[in-house]
């Protein structure tokens, strides 16, 4: 069973998730887009030594801007990003910080993942689904009964594709891929409220397009 806490962070209020495997006590972060005292208090309260990963769904600044600071504070944490987005962590023209006039401290990922890769997480596994479209290296992460979708699937809609390395064609293929998932995952999006795959099958026109 996973416990998921949401911290909307940064100028664009991107969702950062603090995820704990309640059985083993290990934890991870998804998309820390800024520095937050309340987030660090949460990490320390659950045990900094139990923070195993920072998972990045994609490389845009509003999802990665807090990573360099967190790596300094918690040096044993492993930074994970999709293979196709690994250059976003050091190129402001790709991570869009330049376009918004905001700086994003550069860092190097520890692990790059692609389709089907798995990482251990206590009694669970983290499974990577390659979902390009918003960026070429976009990744959704499935952990237990949860899926973290970043800006690929946003409750009721999908992310933009008119950004560097974005592709409308790829986004449609990724939404088709998500529509084919049979499980009713809890959906944790990059912006806005959480959802479920069942709700998305009913109300998201981009998912419904690919249902039988």
C-alpha atoms as a PDB file:
ATOM      1  CA  UNK A   1       0.000   0.000   0.000  1.00  0.00           C
ATOM      2  CA  UNK A   2       1.295   3.423  -0.940  1.00  0.00           C
ATOM      3  CA  UNK A   3       0.768   6.651   0.932  1.00  0.00           C
ATOM      4  CA  UNK A   4       0.883   9.644  -1.437  1.00  0.00           C
ATOM      5  CA  UNK A   5       1.162  13.267  -0.338  1.00  0.00           C
ATOM      6  CA  UNK A   6       0.899  16.100  -2.878  1.00  0.00           C
ATOM      7  CA  UNK A   7       2.905  19.347  -2.745  1.00  0.00           C
ATOM      8  CA  UNK A   8       2.003  21.842  -5.508  1.00  0.00           C
ATOM      9  CA  UNK A   9       5.240  23.776  -6.020  1.00  0.00           C
ATOM     10  CA  UNK A  10       6.745  26.614  -8.018  1.00  0.00           C
ATOM     11  CA  UNK A  11       5.440  29.338 -10.306  1.00  0.00           C
ATOM     12  CA  UNK A  12       3.247  26.896 -12.227  1.00  0.00           C
ATOM     13  CA  UNK A  13       2.093  24.919  -9.170  1.00  0.00           C
ATOM     14  CA  UNK A  14       3.281  21.612 -10.575  1.00  0.00           C
ATOM     15  CA  UNK A  15       2.445  18.638  -8.394  1.00  0.00           C
ATOM     16  CA  UNK A  16       5.297  17.069  -6.459  1.00  0.00           C
ATOM     17  CA  UNK A  17       4.455  13.780  -4.780  1.00  0.00           C
ATOM     18  CA  UNK A  18       6.007  12.280  -1.679  1.00  0.00           C
ATOM     19  CA  UNK A  19       5.338   8.544  -1.865  1.00  0.00           C
ATOM     20  CA  UNK A  20       5.850   6.068   0.966  1.00  0.00           C
ATOM     21  CA  UNK A  21       5.701   2.300   0.783  1.00  0.00           C
ATOM     22  CA  UNK A  22       3.873   1.732   4.065  1.00  0.00           C
ATOM     23  CA  UNK A  23       5.000  -1.882   4.372  1.00  0.00           C
ATOM     24  CA  UNK A  24       8.727  -1.191   4.139  1.00  0.00           C
ATOM     25  CA  UNK A  25       8.867   2.509   5.052  1.00  0.00           C
ATOM     26  CA  UNK A  26      10.947   3.510   2.020  1.00  0.00           C
ATOM     27  CA  UNK A  27       9.988   6.680   0.178  1.00  0.00           C
ATOM     28  CA  UNK A  28      10.504   8.568  -3.057  1.00  0.00           C
ATOM     29  CA  UNK A  29       9.682  11.883  -4.683  1.00  0.00           C
ATOM     30  CA  UNK A  30       8.063  12.508  -8.034  1.00  0.00           C
ATOM     31  CA  UNK A  31       8.771  15.798  -9.868  1.00  0.00           C
ATOM     32  CA  UNK A  32      10.077  18.234  -7.229  1.00  0.00           C
ATOM     33  CA  UNK A  33       9.680  21.454  -9.187  1.00  0.00           C
ATOM     34  CA  UNK A  34      10.894  23.783  -6.446  1.00  0.00           C
ATOM     35  CA  UNK A  35      12.419  23.946  -2.981  1.00  0.00           C
ATOM     36  CA  UNK A  36       9.913  23.636  -0.166  1.00  0.00           C
ATOM     37  CA  UNK A  37      10.419  23.713   3.584  1.00  0.00           C
ATOM     38  CA  UNK A  38       7.231  21.711   4.144  1.00  0.00           C
ATOM     39  CA  UNK A  39       8.428  19.050   1.681  1.00  0.00           C
ATOM     40  CA  UNK A  40      11.792  18.725   3.419  1.00  0.00           C
ATOM     41  CA  UNK A  41      10.063  18.527   6.804  1.00  0.00           C
ATOM     42  CA  UNK A  42       8.017  15.650   5.423  1.00  0.00           C
ATOM     43  CA  UNK A  43      11.146  13.873   4.149  1.00  0.00           C
ATOM     44  CA  UNK A  44      12.910  14.284   7.476  1.00  0.00           C
ATOM     45  CA  UNK A  45       9.863  13.199   9.468  1.00  0.00           C
ATOM     46  CA  UNK A  46       9.606   9.920   7.560  1.00  0.00           C
ATOM     47  CA  UNK A  47      13.404   9.478   7.604  1.00  0.00           C
ATOM     48  CA  UNK A  48      15.865  11.001   5.153  1.00  0.00           C
ATOM     49  CA  UNK A  49      17.791   7.711   5.001  1.00  0.00           C
ATOM     50  CA  UNK A  50      14.639   6.059   3.599  1.00  0.00           C
ATOM     51  CA  UNK A  51      14.367   8.417   0.596  1.00  0.00           C
ATOM     52  CA  UNK A  52      15.481   6.225  -2.307  1.00  0.00           C
ATOM     53  CA  UNK A  53      14.573   7.991  -5.560  1.00  0.00           C
ATOM     54  CA  UNK A  54      13.579  11.220  -7.217  1.00  0.00           C
ATOM     55  CA  UNK A  55      11.483  10.151 -10.201  1.00  0.00           C
ATOM     56  CA  UNK A  56      11.133  12.695 -13.000  1.00  0.00           C
ATOM     57  CA  UNK A  57       8.271  12.213 -15.434  1.00  0.00           C
ATOM     58  CA  UNK A  58       9.924  14.642 -17.861  1.00  0.00           C
ATOM     59  CA  UNK A  59      12.523  17.378 -17.934  1.00  0.00           C
ATOM     60  CA  UNK A  60      10.630  20.690 -17.851  1.00  0.00           C
ATOM     61  CA  UNK A  61      11.790  23.216 -15.267  1.00  0.00           C
ATOM     62  CA  UNK A  62       8.518  23.245 -13.337  1.00  0.00           C
ATOM     63  CA  UNK A  63       9.058  19.558 -12.576  1.00  0.00           C
ATOM     64  CA  UNK A  64      12.831  19.509 -11.939  1.00  0.00           C
ATOM     65  CA  UNK A  65      13.865  22.888 -10.481  1.00  0.00           C
ATOM     66  CA  UNK A  66      14.143  21.575  -6.921  1.00  0.00           C
ATOM     67  CA  UNK A  67      16.247  18.533  -7.773  1.00  0.00           C
ATOM     68  CA  UNK A  68      19.753  20.028  -7.477  1.00  0.00           C
ATOM     69  CA  UNK A  69      19.017  21.359  -3.991  1.00  0.00           C
ATOM     70  CA  UNK A  70      17.490  18.068  -2.849  1.00  0.00           C
ATOM     71  CA  UNK A  71      20.483  16.126  -4.147  1.00  0.00           C
ATOM     72  CA  UNK A  72      22.731  18.315  -2.009  1.00  0.00           C
ATOM     73  CA  UNK A  73      20.548  17.808   1.066  1.00  0.00           C
ATOM     74  CA  UNK A  74      20.049  14.076   0.487  1.00  0.00           C
ATOM     75  CA  UNK A  75      23.111  12.904  -1.474  1.00  0.00           C
ATOM     76  CA  UNK A  76      22.200   9.202  -1.392  1.00  0.00           C
ATOM     77  CA  UNK A  77      18.951   9.731  -3.308  1.00  0.00           C
ATOM     78  CA  UNK A  78      19.002   8.445  -6.906  1.00  0.00           C
ATOM     79  CA  UNK A  79      17.695  10.771  -9.624  1.00  0.00           C
ATOM     80  CA  UNK A  80      15.734   8.971 -12.346  1.00  0.00           C
ATOM     81  CA  UNK A  81      14.633  10.393 -15.709  1.00  0.00           C
ATOM     82  CA  UNK A  82      13.636   9.065 -19.116  1.00  0.00           C
ATOM     83  CA  UNK A  83      16.505   8.379 -21.492  1.00  0.00           C
ATOM     84  CA  UNK A  84      15.107  10.811 -24.061  1.00  0.00           C
ATOM     85  CA  UNK A  85      15.014  13.694 -21.563  1.00  0.00           C
ATOM     86  CA  UNK A  86      18.432  13.292 -19.935  1.00  0.00           C
ATOM     87  CA  UNK A  87      19.772  16.437 -21.647  1.00  0.00           C
ATOM     88  CA  UNK A  88      16.936  18.560 -20.233  1.00  0.00           C
ATOM     89  CA  UNK A  89      18.655  18.621 -16.853  1.00  0.00           C
ATOM     90  CA  UNK A  90      21.492  20.767 -18.216  1.00  0.00           C
ATOM     91  CA  UNK A  91      19.960  22.674 -21.155  1.00  0.00           C
ATOM     92  CA  UNK A  92      17.645  25.570 -20.373  1.00  0.00           C
ATOM     93  CA  UNK A  93      16.385  25.789 -23.950  1.00  0.00           C
ATOM     94  CA  UNK A  94      14.976  22.282 -23.534  1.00  0.00           C
ATOM     95  CA  UNK A  95      13.690  22.492 -19.958  1.00  0.00           C
ATOM     96  CA  UNK A  96      11.940  25.813 -20.777  1.00  0.00           C
ATOM     97  CA  UNK A  97      13.494  27.761 -17.905  1.00  0.00           C
ATOM     98  CA  UNK A  98      14.943  30.162 -20.484  1.00  0.00           C
ATOM     99  CA  UNK A  99      11.520  30.781 -22.040  1.00  0.00           C
ATOM    100  CA  UNK A 100      10.010  31.744 -18.681  1.00  0.00           C
ATOM    101  CA  UNK A 101      12.969  33.822 -17.544  1.00  0.00           C
ATOM    102  CA  UNK A 102      13.585  31.429 -14.668  1.00  0.00           C
ATOM    103  CA  UNK A 103      16.808  29.719 -13.745  1.00  0.00           C
ATOM    104  CA  UNK A 104      16.979  25.987 -13.177  1.00  0.00           C
ATOM    105  CA  UNK A 105      20.081  24.655 -11.463  1.00  0.00           C
ATOM    106  CA  UNK A 106      21.656  21.948 -13.565  1.00  0.00           C
ATOM    107  CA  UNK A 107      22.279  18.417 -12.339  1.00  0.00           C
ATOM    108  CA  UNK A 108      23.108  14.967 -13.669  1.00  0.00           C
ATOM    109  CA  UNK A 109      20.653  12.090 -13.418  1.00  0.00           C
ATOM    110  CA  UNK A 110      21.879   8.910 -11.757  1.00  0.00           C
ATOM    111  CA  UNK A 111      19.601   6.549 -13.678  1.00  0.00           C
ATOM    112  CA  UNK A 112      17.905   6.804 -17.069  1.00  0.00           C
ATOM    113  CA  UNK A 113      14.951   4.572 -17.857  1.00  0.00           C
ATOM    114  CA  UNK A 114      12.980   3.571 -20.902  1.00  0.00           C
ATOM    115  CA  UNK A 115      10.093   1.320 -21.790  1.00  0.00           C
ATOM    116  CA  UNK A 116       9.644  -1.617 -19.438  1.00  0.00           C
ATOM    117  CA  UNK A 117      12.509  -0.795 -17.077  1.00  0.00           C
ATOM    118  CA  UNK A 118      11.893  -1.624 -13.437  1.00  0.00           C
ATOM    119  CA  UNK A 119      13.382  -0.404 -10.171  1.00  0.00           C
ATOM    120  CA  UNK A 120      12.957  -1.951  -6.712  1.00  0.00           C
ATOM    121  CA  UNK A 121      10.972   0.025  -4.166  1.00  0.00           C
ATOM    122  CA  UNK A 122      10.567  -1.847  -0.923  1.00  0.00           C
ATOM    123  CA  UNK A 123       7.943  -4.540  -1.445  1.00  0.00           C
ATOM    124  CA  UNK A 124       6.924  -2.954  -4.767  1.00  0.00           C
ATOM    125  CA  UNK A 125       8.483  -2.344  -8.145  1.00  0.00           C
ATOM    126  CA  UNK A 126       8.564   0.882 -10.110  1.00  0.00           C
ATOM    127  CA  UNK A 127       7.667   0.186 -13.732  1.00  0.00           C
ATOM    128  CA  UNK A 128       8.512   2.730 -16.443  1.00  0.00           C
ATOM    129  CA  UNK A 129       6.153   3.295 -19.361  1.00  0.00           C
ATOM    130  CA  UNK A 130       7.579   5.328 -22.236  1.00  0.00           C
ATOM    131  CA  UNK A 131       4.966   7.984 -23.055  1.00  0.00           C
ATOM    132  CA  UNK A 132       6.481  10.575 -25.408  1.00  0.00           C
ATOM    133  CA  UNK A 133       4.435  13.472 -26.704  1.00  0.00           C
ATOM    134  CA  UNK A 134       4.811  16.297 -24.212  1.00  0.00           C
ATOM    135  CA  UNK A 135       8.555  15.631 -24.458  1.00  0.00           C
ATOM    136  CA  UNK A 136      10.386  12.897 -26.320  1.00  0.00           C
ATOM    137  CA  UNK A 137      11.509  11.193 -23.114  1.00  0.00           C
ATOM    138  CA  UNK A 138       8.295  11.396 -21.115  1.00  0.00           C
ATOM    139  CA  UNK A 139       7.797   8.542 -18.651  1.00  0.00           C
ATOM    140  CA  UNK A 140       4.800   7.400 -16.644  1.00  0.00           C
ATOM    141  CA  UNK A 141       5.649   5.414 -13.520  1.00  0.00           C
ATOM    142  CA  UNK A 142       3.435   2.592 -12.264  1.00  0.00           C
ATOM    143  CA  UNK A 143       3.898   1.676  -8.604  1.00  0.00           C
ATOM    144  CA  UNK A 144       1.464  -0.752  -7.017  1.00  0.00           C
ATOM    145  CA  UNK A 145      -2.041   0.648  -7.716  1.00  0.00           C
ATOM    146  CA  UNK A 146      -0.804   4.137  -8.681  1.00  0.00           C
ATOM    147  CA  UNK A 147       0.359   5.726 -11.906  1.00  0.00           C
ATOM    148  CA  UNK A 148       2.262   9.016 -11.994  1.00  0.00           C
ATOM    149  CA  UNK A 149       1.630  10.601 -15.381  1.00  0.00           C
ATOM    150  CA  UNK A 150       3.346  14.000 -15.286  1.00  0.00           C
ATOM    151  CA  UNK A 151       2.086  16.132 -18.163  1.00  0.00           C
ATOM    152  CA  UNK A 152       1.132  13.211 -20.388  1.00  0.00           C
ATOM    153  CA  UNK A 153      -2.242  12.574 -18.792  1.00  0.00           C
ATOM    154  CA  UNK A 154      -3.772  15.481 -16.899  1.00  0.00           C
ATOM    155  CA  UNK A 155      -7.210  14.922 -15.394  1.00  0.00           C
ATOM    156  CA  UNK A 156      -9.720  15.251 -18.237  1.00  0.00           C
ATOM    157  CA  UNK A 157      -7.154  16.204 -20.859  1.00  0.00           C
ATOM    158  CA  UNK A 158      -3.524  15.871 -21.894  1.00  0.00           C
ATOM    159  CA  UNK A 159      -0.379  17.990 -21.930  1.00  0.00           C
ATOM    160  CA  UNK A 160       0.818  20.422 -24.585  1.00  0.00           C
ATOM    161  CA  UNK A 161       2.846  19.253 -27.544  1.00  0.00           C
ATOM    162  CA  UNK A 162       3.921  22.656 -28.953  1.00  0.00           C
ATOM    163  CA  UNK A 163       7.167  22.674 -26.966  1.00  0.00           C
ATOM    164  CA  UNK A 164      10.705  21.507 -27.816  1.00  0.00           C
ATOM    165  CA  UNK A 165      10.721  17.759 -28.672  1.00  0.00           C
ATOM    166  CA  UNK A 166       6.925  17.607 -28.272  1.00  0.00           C
ATOM    167  CA  UNK A 167       4.890  15.655 -30.805  1.00  0.00           C
ATOM    168  CA  UNK A 168       1.131  15.479 -31.261  1.00  0.00           C
ATOM    169  CA  UNK A 169       1.488  12.163 -33.095  1.00  0.00           C
ATOM    170  CA  UNK A 170       3.503  10.707 -30.222  1.00  0.00           C
ATOM    171  CA  UNK A 171       1.022  12.043 -27.685  1.00  0.00           C
ATOM    172  CA  UNK A 172      -1.863  10.298 -29.408  1.00  0.00           C
ATOM    173  CA  UNK A 173       0.086   7.038 -29.377  1.00  0.00           C
ATOM    174  CA  UNK A 174       0.844   7.489 -25.682  1.00  0.00           C
ATOM    175  CA  UNK A 175      -2.803   8.168 -24.876  1.00  0.00           C
ATOM    176  CA  UNK A 176      -3.725   5.048 -26.820  1.00  0.00           C
ATOM    177  CA  UNK A 177      -1.238   3.173 -24.686  1.00  0.00           C
ATOM    178  CA  UNK A 178      -2.757   4.488 -21.471  1.00  0.00           C
ATOM    179  CA  UNK A 179      -6.284   3.762 -22.695  1.00  0.00           C
ATOM    180  CA  UNK A 180      -5.287   0.109 -23.078  1.00  0.00           C
ATOM    181  CA  UNK A 181      -4.330  -0.252 -19.394  1.00  0.00           C
ATOM    182  CA  UNK A 182      -6.831  -2.583 -17.777  1.00  0.00           C
ATOM    183  CA  UNK A 183      -6.266  -1.705 -14.132  1.00  0.00           C
ATOM    184  CA  UNK A 184      -8.135   1.104 -12.420  1.00  0.00           C
ATOM    185  CA  UNK A 185      -4.994   2.894 -11.266  1.00  0.00           C
ATOM    186  CA  UNK A 186      -5.084   5.938  -9.045  1.00  0.00           C
ATOM    187  CA  UNK A 187      -3.814   8.658 -11.384  1.00  0.00           C
ATOM    188  CA  UNK A 188      -1.458  11.342 -10.063  1.00  0.00           C
ATOM    189  CA  UNK A 189      -1.014  14.076 -12.661  1.00  0.00           C
ATOM    190  CA  UNK A 190       1.590  16.776 -13.108  1.00  0.00           C
ATOM    191  CA  UNK A 191      -0.974  19.542 -12.574  1.00  0.00           C
ATOM    192  CA  UNK A 192      -4.429  19.641 -11.059  1.00  0.00           C
ATOM    193  CA  UNK A 193      -6.384  17.042  -9.112  1.00  0.00           C
ATOM    194  CA  UNK A 194      -5.787  13.322  -8.912  1.00  0.00           C
ATOM    195  CA  UNK A 195      -8.046  10.969 -10.820  1.00  0.00           C
ATOM    196  CA  UNK A 196      -8.519   7.299 -11.640  1.00  0.00           C
ATOM    197  CA  UNK A 197      -8.190   5.457 -14.917  1.00  0.00           C
ATOM    198  CA  UNK A 198     -11.894   4.614 -14.758  1.00  0.00           C
ATOM    199  CA  UNK A 199     -12.787   8.314 -14.567  1.00  0.00           C
ATOM    200  CA  UNK A 200     -10.426   9.081 -17.427  1.00  0.00           C
ATOM    201  CA  UNK A 201     -12.017   6.348 -19.543  1.00  0.00           C
ATOM    202  CA  UNK A 202     -15.387   8.008 -18.957  1.00  0.00           C
ATOM    203  CA  UNK A 203     -14.566  11.691 -19.270  1.00  0.00           C
ATOM    204  CA  UNK A 204     -11.204  12.235 -20.996  1.00  0.00           C
ATOM    205  CA  UNK A 205     -11.847  12.623 -24.725  1.00  0.00           C
ATOM    206  CA  UNK A 206      -8.236  11.731 -25.549  1.00  0.00           C
ATOM    207  CA  UNK A 207      -8.576   8.431 -23.697  1.00  0.00           C
ATOM    208  CA  UNK A 208     -12.111   7.711 -24.962  1.00  0.00           C
ATOM    209  CA  UNK A 209     -10.904   8.146 -28.533  1.00  0.00           C
ATOM    210  CA  UNK A 210      -8.972   4.875 -28.234  1.00  0.00           C
ATOM    211  CA  UNK A 211     -11.444   2.756 -26.300  1.00  0.00           C
ATOM    212  CA  UNK A 212     -13.072  -0.172 -28.152  1.00  0.00           C
END
